[in-house]
N, C-alpha and C. Protein backbone atom coordinates (compact mmCIF):
# COMPACT_ATOMS: atom_id res chain seq x y z
N MET A 1 20.83 178.33 38.12
CA MET A 1 21.98 179.47 38.02
C MET A 1 23.16 178.57 37.63
N PRO A 2 23.66 179.37 36.49
CA PRO A 2 24.90 178.67 36.39
C PRO A 2 25.97 178.56 37.53
N GLU A 3 27.18 177.71 37.44
CA GLU A 3 28.46 177.80 38.45
C GLU A 3 28.92 178.92 37.78
N ILE A 4 29.72 179.69 38.97
CA ILE A 4 30.46 180.79 38.72
C ILE A 4 32.12 179.83 38.70
N ARG A 5 32.58 179.92 37.67
CA ARG A 5 33.74 179.42 37.55
C ARG A 5 35.12 180.40 37.52
N GLN A 6 36.43 180.17 38.04
CA GLN A 6 37.51 181.31 38.18
C GLN A 6 38.02 181.04 37.08
N ILE A 7 38.42 182.22 36.26
CA ILE A 7 39.50 182.26 35.11
C ILE A 7 40.59 183.46 35.73
N LEU A 8 41.71 182.98 35.27
CA LEU A 8 42.75 183.73 35.54
C LEU A 8 43.76 184.23 34.38
N LEU A 9 43.46 185.56 34.16
CA LEU A 9 44.23 186.44 33.40
C LEU A 9 45.55 186.84 33.50
N VAL A 10 46.58 186.28 32.86
CA VAL A 10 47.78 186.63 33.10
C VAL A 10 48.33 187.55 31.90
N GLU A 11 48.09 189.11 31.87
CA GLU A 11 48.33 189.90 30.91
C GLU A 11 48.79 191.22 31.16
N ASP A 12 50.05 191.62 30.76
CA ASP A 12 50.64 192.96 31.26
C ASP A 12 50.02 194.49 30.32
N ASP A 13 49.70 194.05 29.15
CA ASP A 13 49.08 195.29 28.74
C ASP A 13 47.70 195.60 29.05
N PRO A 14 47.70 196.82 29.41
CA PRO A 14 46.23 197.24 30.33
C PRO A 14 45.05 197.71 29.31
N ASN A 15 45.56 197.62 28.12
CA ASN A 15 44.46 197.78 27.13
C ASN A 15 43.83 196.18 26.60
N ASP A 16 44.72 195.38 26.73
CA ASP A 16 44.38 194.15 26.37
C ASP A 16 43.46 193.10 27.79
N VAL A 17 43.78 193.81 28.81
CA VAL A 17 43.04 193.22 29.46
C VAL A 17 41.71 194.02 29.84
N THR A 18 41.27 195.38 29.77
CA THR A 18 40.37 196.03 29.60
C THR A 18 39.69 195.67 28.50
N LEU A 19 40.25 195.08 27.29
CA LEU A 19 39.39 194.44 26.03
C LEU A 19 39.03 193.38 26.37
N THR A 20 39.96 192.40 27.09
CA THR A 20 39.24 191.12 27.37
C THR A 20 37.83 190.87 28.33
N LEU A 21 38.06 191.97 29.35
CA LEU A 21 37.33 191.80 30.75
C LEU A 21 35.72 192.46 29.97
N ALA A 22 35.98 193.29 28.87
CA ALA A 22 34.69 194.00 28.31
C ALA A 22 33.89 192.69 27.38
N ALA A 23 35.00 191.99 26.64
CA ALA A 23 34.39 190.92 25.91
C ALA A 23 33.92 189.67 26.74
N PHE A 24 34.36 189.26 27.90
CA PHE A 24 33.76 188.53 28.95
C PHE A 24 32.54 189.08 29.81
N GLU A 25 32.73 190.54 29.63
CA GLU A 25 31.37 191.40 30.29
C GLU A 25 30.05 190.95 29.38
N GLU A 26 30.40 191.35 28.24
CA GLU A 26 29.43 191.42 27.21
C GLU A 26 28.57 190.26 26.89
N SER A 27 29.58 188.67 27.06
CA SER A 27 28.93 187.61 26.70
C SER A 27 27.91 187.40 28.26
N GLN A 28 27.98 188.07 29.01
CA GLN A 28 26.85 187.64 30.06
C GLN A 28 27.36 185.98 30.64
N MET A 29 28.69 185.66 30.58
CA MET A 29 28.64 184.40 31.50
C MET A 29 28.89 184.77 32.78
N ALA A 30 28.61 184.09 33.74
CA ALA A 30 28.93 183.77 34.87
C ALA A 30 30.18 183.38 35.40
N ASN A 31 31.27 184.13 34.96
CA ASN A 31 32.86 183.63 35.68
C ASN A 31 33.38 184.69 35.83
N HIS A 32 33.94 184.26 37.21
CA HIS A 32 35.03 185.31 37.72
C HIS A 32 36.33 185.48 37.12
N VAL A 33 36.73 186.79 36.85
CA VAL A 33 38.33 186.73 36.50
C VAL A 33 39.19 187.35 37.26
N ASP A 34 40.32 186.87 37.60
CA ASP A 34 41.51 187.46 38.34
C ASP A 34 42.22 187.75 37.24
N VAL A 35 43.11 188.95 37.52
CA VAL A 35 44.17 189.05 36.44
C VAL A 35 45.32 189.48 37.25
N CYS A 36 46.31 189.16 36.62
CA CYS A 36 48.07 189.27 37.03
C CYS A 36 48.60 189.80 35.94
N VAL A 37 49.71 190.89 36.57
CA VAL A 37 50.19 191.40 35.44
C VAL A 37 51.55 191.01 34.90
N ASP A 38 52.13 190.13 35.90
CA ASP A 38 53.49 189.46 35.32
C ASP A 38 53.54 187.89 35.76
N GLY A 39 54.73 187.40 35.40
CA GLY A 39 54.43 186.23 35.28
C GLY A 39 54.70 185.80 37.00
N GLU A 40 55.88 186.38 37.67
CA GLU A 40 55.78 186.36 38.82
C GLU A 40 54.73 186.67 39.81
N ASP A 41 53.87 187.74 39.22
CA ASP A 41 52.54 187.79 40.11
C ASP A 41 51.52 186.49 39.53
N ALA A 42 51.47 185.80 38.68
CA ALA A 42 50.87 184.63 38.43
C ALA A 42 51.12 183.83 39.29
N LEU A 43 52.40 183.65 39.32
CA LEU A 43 53.00 182.42 40.24
C LEU A 43 52.80 182.46 41.70
N ASP A 44 52.89 183.56 42.01
CA ASP A 44 52.42 183.90 43.55
C ASP A 44 50.73 183.74 43.74
N TYR A 45 50.05 184.03 42.58
CA TYR A 45 48.70 183.82 42.79
C TYR A 45 48.18 182.03 42.62
N LEU A 46 49.25 181.28 41.81
CA LEU A 46 48.67 179.99 41.94
C LEU A 46 49.33 179.29 42.96
N HIS A 47 50.15 179.66 43.79
CA HIS A 47 50.80 179.23 44.73
C HIS A 47 50.36 180.08 46.11
N CYS A 48 49.35 180.77 45.73
CA CYS A 48 48.59 181.15 47.31
C CYS A 48 49.89 182.05 48.21
N ARG A 49 50.89 182.82 47.54
CA ARG A 49 51.76 183.51 48.52
C ARG A 49 51.84 184.75 47.98
N GLY A 50 52.70 185.48 48.88
CA GLY A 50 52.76 186.90 48.94
C GLY A 50 51.46 187.60 49.11
N LYS A 51 50.79 188.46 48.19
CA LYS A 51 49.81 189.04 48.26
C LYS A 51 48.39 188.21 48.47
N TYR A 52 48.77 186.85 48.03
CA TYR A 52 47.58 186.05 47.70
C TYR A 52 47.73 184.99 48.77
N THR A 53 48.43 185.26 49.83
CA THR A 53 48.37 184.17 50.94
C THR A 53 46.50 184.03 51.26
N GLU A 54 45.95 184.78 51.34
CA GLU A 54 44.63 185.06 51.86
C GLU A 54 43.75 184.07 50.70
N ARG A 55 43.82 184.07 49.48
CA ARG A 55 43.29 183.43 48.73
C ARG A 55 42.76 181.93 48.60
N LYS A 56 41.59 181.84 48.28
CA LYS A 56 40.95 180.45 48.77
C LYS A 56 41.67 179.40 47.43
N PRO A 57 42.56 178.33 48.27
CA PRO A 57 43.33 177.70 47.29
C PRO A 57 42.88 176.80 46.08
N ALA A 58 42.16 177.39 45.35
CA ALA A 58 41.32 176.29 44.31
C ALA A 58 41.90 176.91 42.98
N ASN A 59 42.32 175.80 42.30
CA ASN A 59 42.79 176.35 41.12
C ASN A 59 41.68 176.91 39.96
N PRO A 60 42.30 177.89 38.97
CA PRO A 60 41.08 178.40 38.22
C PRO A 60 40.49 177.48 37.13
N VAL A 61 39.81 177.60 36.67
CA VAL A 61 38.99 176.37 35.26
C VAL A 61 40.25 176.96 34.07
N VAL A 62 40.27 177.65 33.87
CA VAL A 62 41.54 178.08 32.78
C VAL A 62 42.20 179.12 33.04
N ILE A 63 43.51 179.07 32.52
CA ILE A 63 44.54 180.15 32.77
C ILE A 63 44.69 180.68 31.30
N LEU A 64 44.77 181.81 31.09
CA LEU A 64 44.80 182.73 30.00
C LEU A 64 46.17 183.28 29.76
N LEU A 65 47.22 183.07 29.16
CA LEU A 65 48.50 183.16 29.57
C LEU A 65 49.19 183.94 28.33
N ASP A 66 49.40 185.36 28.62
CA ASP A 66 50.30 186.05 27.31
C ASP A 66 51.68 185.27 27.38
N CYS A 67 52.30 185.20 26.48
CA CYS A 67 53.61 184.66 26.15
C CYS A 67 54.59 185.61 26.65
N LYS A 68 54.76 187.07 26.12
CA LYS A 68 55.67 188.05 26.73
C LYS A 68 55.08 188.83 27.55
N LEU A 69 55.82 188.42 28.95
CA LEU A 69 55.36 188.94 30.08
C LEU A 69 56.86 189.68 30.81
N PRO A 70 56.55 190.68 31.71
CA PRO A 70 57.77 191.09 32.50
C PRO A 70 57.77 190.15 33.78
N LYS A 71 59.28 190.03 34.36
CA LYS A 71 59.63 189.21 35.64
C LYS A 71 59.85 187.71 35.05
N VAL A 72 58.64 187.08 34.68
CA VAL A 72 58.82 185.61 34.31
C VAL A 72 57.89 185.84 33.23
N SER A 73 58.74 184.97 32.08
CA SER A 73 57.71 184.86 31.07
C SER A 73 56.75 184.29 30.80
N GLY A 74 55.69 184.08 30.04
CA GLY A 74 54.95 183.27 29.77
C GLY A 74 54.72 181.59 29.54
N ILE A 75 56.20 181.54 28.78
CA ILE A 75 56.59 180.13 28.63
C ILE A 75 57.10 179.47 30.14
N GLY A 76 57.70 180.68 30.98
CA GLY A 76 58.56 180.02 32.20
C GLY A 76 57.43 179.96 33.12
N VAL A 77 56.07 180.51 32.82
CA VAL A 77 54.95 180.17 33.77
C VAL A 77 54.26 178.98 33.39
N LEU A 78 54.45 178.51 32.25
CA LEU A 78 53.97 177.51 31.65
C LEU A 78 54.92 176.37 32.23
N LYS A 79 55.93 176.71 32.53
CA LYS A 79 57.21 175.47 32.43
C LYS A 79 56.65 175.09 34.40
N VAL A 80 56.72 176.15 35.08
CA VAL A 80 56.20 176.02 36.26
C VAL A 80 54.94 175.10 36.36
N ILE A 81 53.96 175.42 35.96
CA ILE A 81 52.58 175.06 35.85
C ILE A 81 52.44 173.70 35.75
N ARG A 82 53.31 173.19 34.38
CA ARG A 82 53.13 172.09 34.20
C ARG A 82 54.28 170.69 35.19
N SER A 83 55.24 171.62 35.82
CA SER A 83 55.73 170.47 36.47
C SER A 83 55.36 170.56 37.92
N SER A 84 54.25 171.45 38.30
CA SER A 84 53.93 171.13 39.47
C SER A 84 52.61 170.09 39.50
N GLU A 85 52.76 169.33 40.54
CA GLU A 85 51.67 168.34 40.70
C GLU A 85 50.32 168.85 41.20
N LYS A 86 50.11 169.93 41.65
CA LYS A 86 49.06 170.52 42.04
C LYS A 86 48.62 171.33 41.22
N LEU A 87 49.15 171.92 40.13
CA LEU A 87 49.11 172.84 39.00
C LEU A 87 48.81 172.18 37.68
N ARG A 88 49.18 170.96 37.49
CA ARG A 88 49.49 171.01 35.81
C ARG A 88 48.25 170.19 35.41
N THR A 89 47.39 169.90 35.68
CA THR A 89 45.94 169.78 34.97
C THR A 89 45.38 170.86 34.62
N ILE A 90 45.57 172.04 35.23
CA ILE A 90 44.81 173.43 35.11
C ILE A 90 45.22 173.62 33.20
N PRO A 91 43.97 173.55 32.65
CA PRO A 91 44.01 173.95 31.32
C PRO A 91 44.77 175.71 31.08
N VAL A 92 46.02 175.60 29.81
CA VAL A 92 46.60 176.82 29.69
C VAL A 92 46.42 177.58 28.17
N VAL A 93 45.76 178.45 28.09
CA VAL A 93 45.76 178.83 27.01
C VAL A 93 46.27 180.14 26.52
N MET A 94 47.43 180.16 25.66
CA MET A 94 48.38 181.36 25.47
C MET A 94 47.41 181.92 24.60
N VAL A 95 47.39 183.03 24.88
CA VAL A 95 46.72 184.22 24.16
C VAL A 95 47.71 185.51 24.09
N THR A 96 48.00 185.38 22.88
CA THR A 96 49.56 186.53 22.62
C THR A 96 49.12 187.05 21.28
N SER A 97 50.34 188.02 21.23
CA SER A 97 50.36 188.64 19.91
C SER A 97 51.63 188.03 19.16
N SER A 98 52.50 186.80 19.83
CA SER A 98 53.59 186.37 18.86
C SER A 98 53.06 185.50 18.27
N ARG A 99 53.32 185.52 17.01
CA ARG A 99 53.15 184.38 15.89
C ARG A 99 54.80 183.80 15.40
N GLU A 100 55.70 183.97 16.31
CA GLU A 100 56.85 183.35 16.23
C GLU A 100 57.00 181.90 16.78
N ASN A 101 57.24 181.18 15.68
CA ASN A 101 57.29 179.49 15.62
C ASN A 101 57.89 179.34 16.57
N ARG A 102 58.58 179.73 17.10
CA ARG A 102 59.87 178.94 18.30
C ARG A 102 58.85 179.49 19.42
N ASP A 103 58.19 180.24 19.80
CA ASP A 103 57.18 180.23 20.84
C ASP A 103 56.02 179.18 20.78
N LEU A 104 55.57 179.38 19.45
CA LEU A 104 54.27 178.21 19.41
C LEU A 104 54.73 176.47 19.82
N ALA A 105 56.25 176.56 19.38
CA ALA A 105 56.62 174.88 19.26
C ALA A 105 56.75 174.80 20.71
N THR A 106 57.27 175.86 21.70
CA THR A 106 57.63 175.52 22.89
C THR A 106 56.70 175.39 23.85
N ALA A 107 55.24 176.23 23.16
CA ALA A 107 54.07 176.26 24.37
C ALA A 107 53.66 174.59 24.17
N TYR A 108 53.49 174.35 22.93
CA TYR A 108 52.92 173.10 22.59
C TYR A 108 53.74 172.01 23.34
N GLU A 109 55.26 172.03 23.18
CA GLU A 109 56.22 171.01 23.89
C GLU A 109 56.23 171.11 25.25
N LEU A 110 55.66 172.16 25.83
CA LEU A 110 55.53 171.97 27.44
C LEU A 110 53.86 171.63 27.89
N GLY A 111 53.20 171.69 26.81
CA GLY A 111 52.03 171.06 27.14
C GLY A 111 51.07 172.47 27.53
N VAL A 112 50.92 173.34 26.61
CA VAL A 112 50.13 174.40 26.48
C VAL A 112 48.60 173.72 25.93
N ASN A 113 47.45 173.68 26.21
CA ASN A 113 46.13 173.24 25.79
C ASN A 113 45.55 174.13 24.43
N ALA A 114 46.01 175.27 24.17
CA ALA A 114 45.41 176.14 23.07
C ALA A 114 46.52 177.13 22.88
N TYR A 115 46.74 177.68 21.53
CA TYR A 115 47.70 178.90 21.48
C TYR A 115 46.82 179.71 20.27
N VAL A 116 46.42 181.05 21.16
CA VAL A 116 45.69 182.14 20.21
C VAL A 116 46.38 182.90 20.06
N VAL A 117 46.51 183.41 18.86
CA VAL A 117 47.11 184.75 18.53
C VAL A 117 46.00 185.86 18.49
N LYS A 118 46.17 186.72 19.15
CA LYS A 118 45.47 188.09 19.01
C LYS A 118 44.86 188.49 18.19
N PRO A 119 43.74 188.55 17.58
CA PRO A 119 43.22 189.38 16.40
C PRO A 119 44.00 191.27 16.62
N VAL A 120 44.17 191.72 15.74
CA VAL A 120 44.67 193.15 15.71
C VAL A 120 43.15 194.16 15.82
N GLU A 121 42.37 193.64 14.97
CA GLU A 121 40.90 194.21 14.54
C GLU A 121 39.96 194.24 16.24
N PHE A 122 39.90 194.93 16.84
CA PHE A 122 38.78 194.97 17.92
C PHE A 122 37.81 193.97 17.97
N ASN A 123 36.74 194.04 16.94
CA ASN A 123 35.42 193.10 17.12
C ASN A 123 35.76 191.58 17.16
N GLU A 124 36.82 191.39 16.32
CA GLU A 124 37.80 190.02 16.03
C GLU A 124 38.30 189.82 17.06
N PHE A 125 38.85 190.45 17.93
CA PHE A 125 39.78 190.42 19.28
C PHE A 125 38.60 189.85 20.33
N THR A 126 37.62 190.35 20.66
CA THR A 126 36.62 190.12 21.43
C THR A 126 35.93 189.04 21.40
N GLU A 127 35.49 189.09 19.52
CA GLU A 127 35.11 187.59 19.49
C GLU A 127 36.00 186.37 19.84
N ALA A 128 37.10 186.51 19.43
CA ALA A 128 37.89 185.27 19.67
C ALA A 128 38.37 184.93 21.41
N LEU A 129 38.01 186.17 22.05
CA LEU A 129 37.91 185.93 23.77
C LEU A 129 36.76 185.76 24.23
N ARG A 130 35.74 185.96 23.65
CA ARG A 130 34.31 185.00 23.90
C ARG A 130 34.41 183.81 23.45
N GLN A 131 35.12 183.26 22.48
CA GLN A 131 34.91 182.07 22.07
C GLN A 131 35.83 181.26 23.14
N VAL A 132 36.88 181.77 23.56
CA VAL A 132 37.87 181.09 24.30
C VAL A 132 37.24 180.85 25.76
N GLU A 133 36.66 182.07 26.47
CA GLU A 133 35.48 181.96 27.18
C GLU A 133 34.85 180.83 27.20
N LEU A 134 33.93 180.60 26.27
CA LEU A 134 32.78 179.65 26.09
C LEU A 134 33.33 178.57 26.12
N PHE A 135 34.27 178.20 25.46
CA PHE A 135 34.86 176.54 25.45
C PHE A 135 35.52 176.36 26.56
N TRP A 136 36.69 177.02 27.33
CA TRP A 136 37.28 176.55 28.51
C TRP A 136 36.41 177.08 29.90
N ALA A 137 35.57 177.77 29.93
CA ALA A 137 35.19 177.85 31.05
C ALA A 137 33.88 177.76 31.20
N VAL A 138 32.77 177.26 30.32
CA VAL A 138 31.61 176.65 30.16
C VAL A 138 31.42 175.22 29.37
N LEU A 139 32.02 175.16 28.95
CA LEU A 139 31.80 173.84 27.47
C LEU A 139 32.45 173.02 28.27
N ASN A 140 33.91 173.13 28.25
CA ASN A 140 35.12 171.83 28.76
C ASN A 140 34.34 171.62 30.20
N GLU A 141 34.74 170.35 30.67
CA GLU A 141 34.63 169.93 31.60
C GLU A 141 36.37 169.80 32.25
N PRO A 142 36.00 170.59 33.55
CA PRO A 142 37.39 170.71 34.33
C PRO A 142 37.81 169.16 34.83
N PRO A 143 38.97 169.09 35.07
CA PRO A 143 39.70 168.10 35.73
C PRO A 143 38.95 167.73 37.40
N PRO A 144 38.59 166.72 37.66
CA PRO A 144 37.96 167.10 38.96
C PRO A 144 39.32 167.52 40.24
N LYS A 145 38.23 168.15 41.09
CA LYS A 145 38.97 168.87 42.22
C LYS A 145 39.55 167.67 43.36
């Protein structure tokens, strides 16, 4: 039986959350996805604080992070992750609709592992997310605990 790996999806658009979860379910990989709807919620999750104080303090195998988020932007979340001794080794994939060169350059300067622009067409969107899940949550070896 494959190991169940934890994925953190940080996405504020409910439609994109639904599509992402449907794509993952359709792929039938044994991964668990937690969803945070803004940057502040994601940081609380990662630091096991606020409503996440009871969460087992294990890092997700990958974080799928939208760039444009309320409260704390995806870039702001990435800055915190990369500056934290506890979190900096977590692979972070920006999954965003932003094609702005500034966002792309800043994300890579801060150490994002990959930057995926969300396809507009439904089938392309779900296939892109299945590929992201396959690589980062199944094929890629995460850092040792």
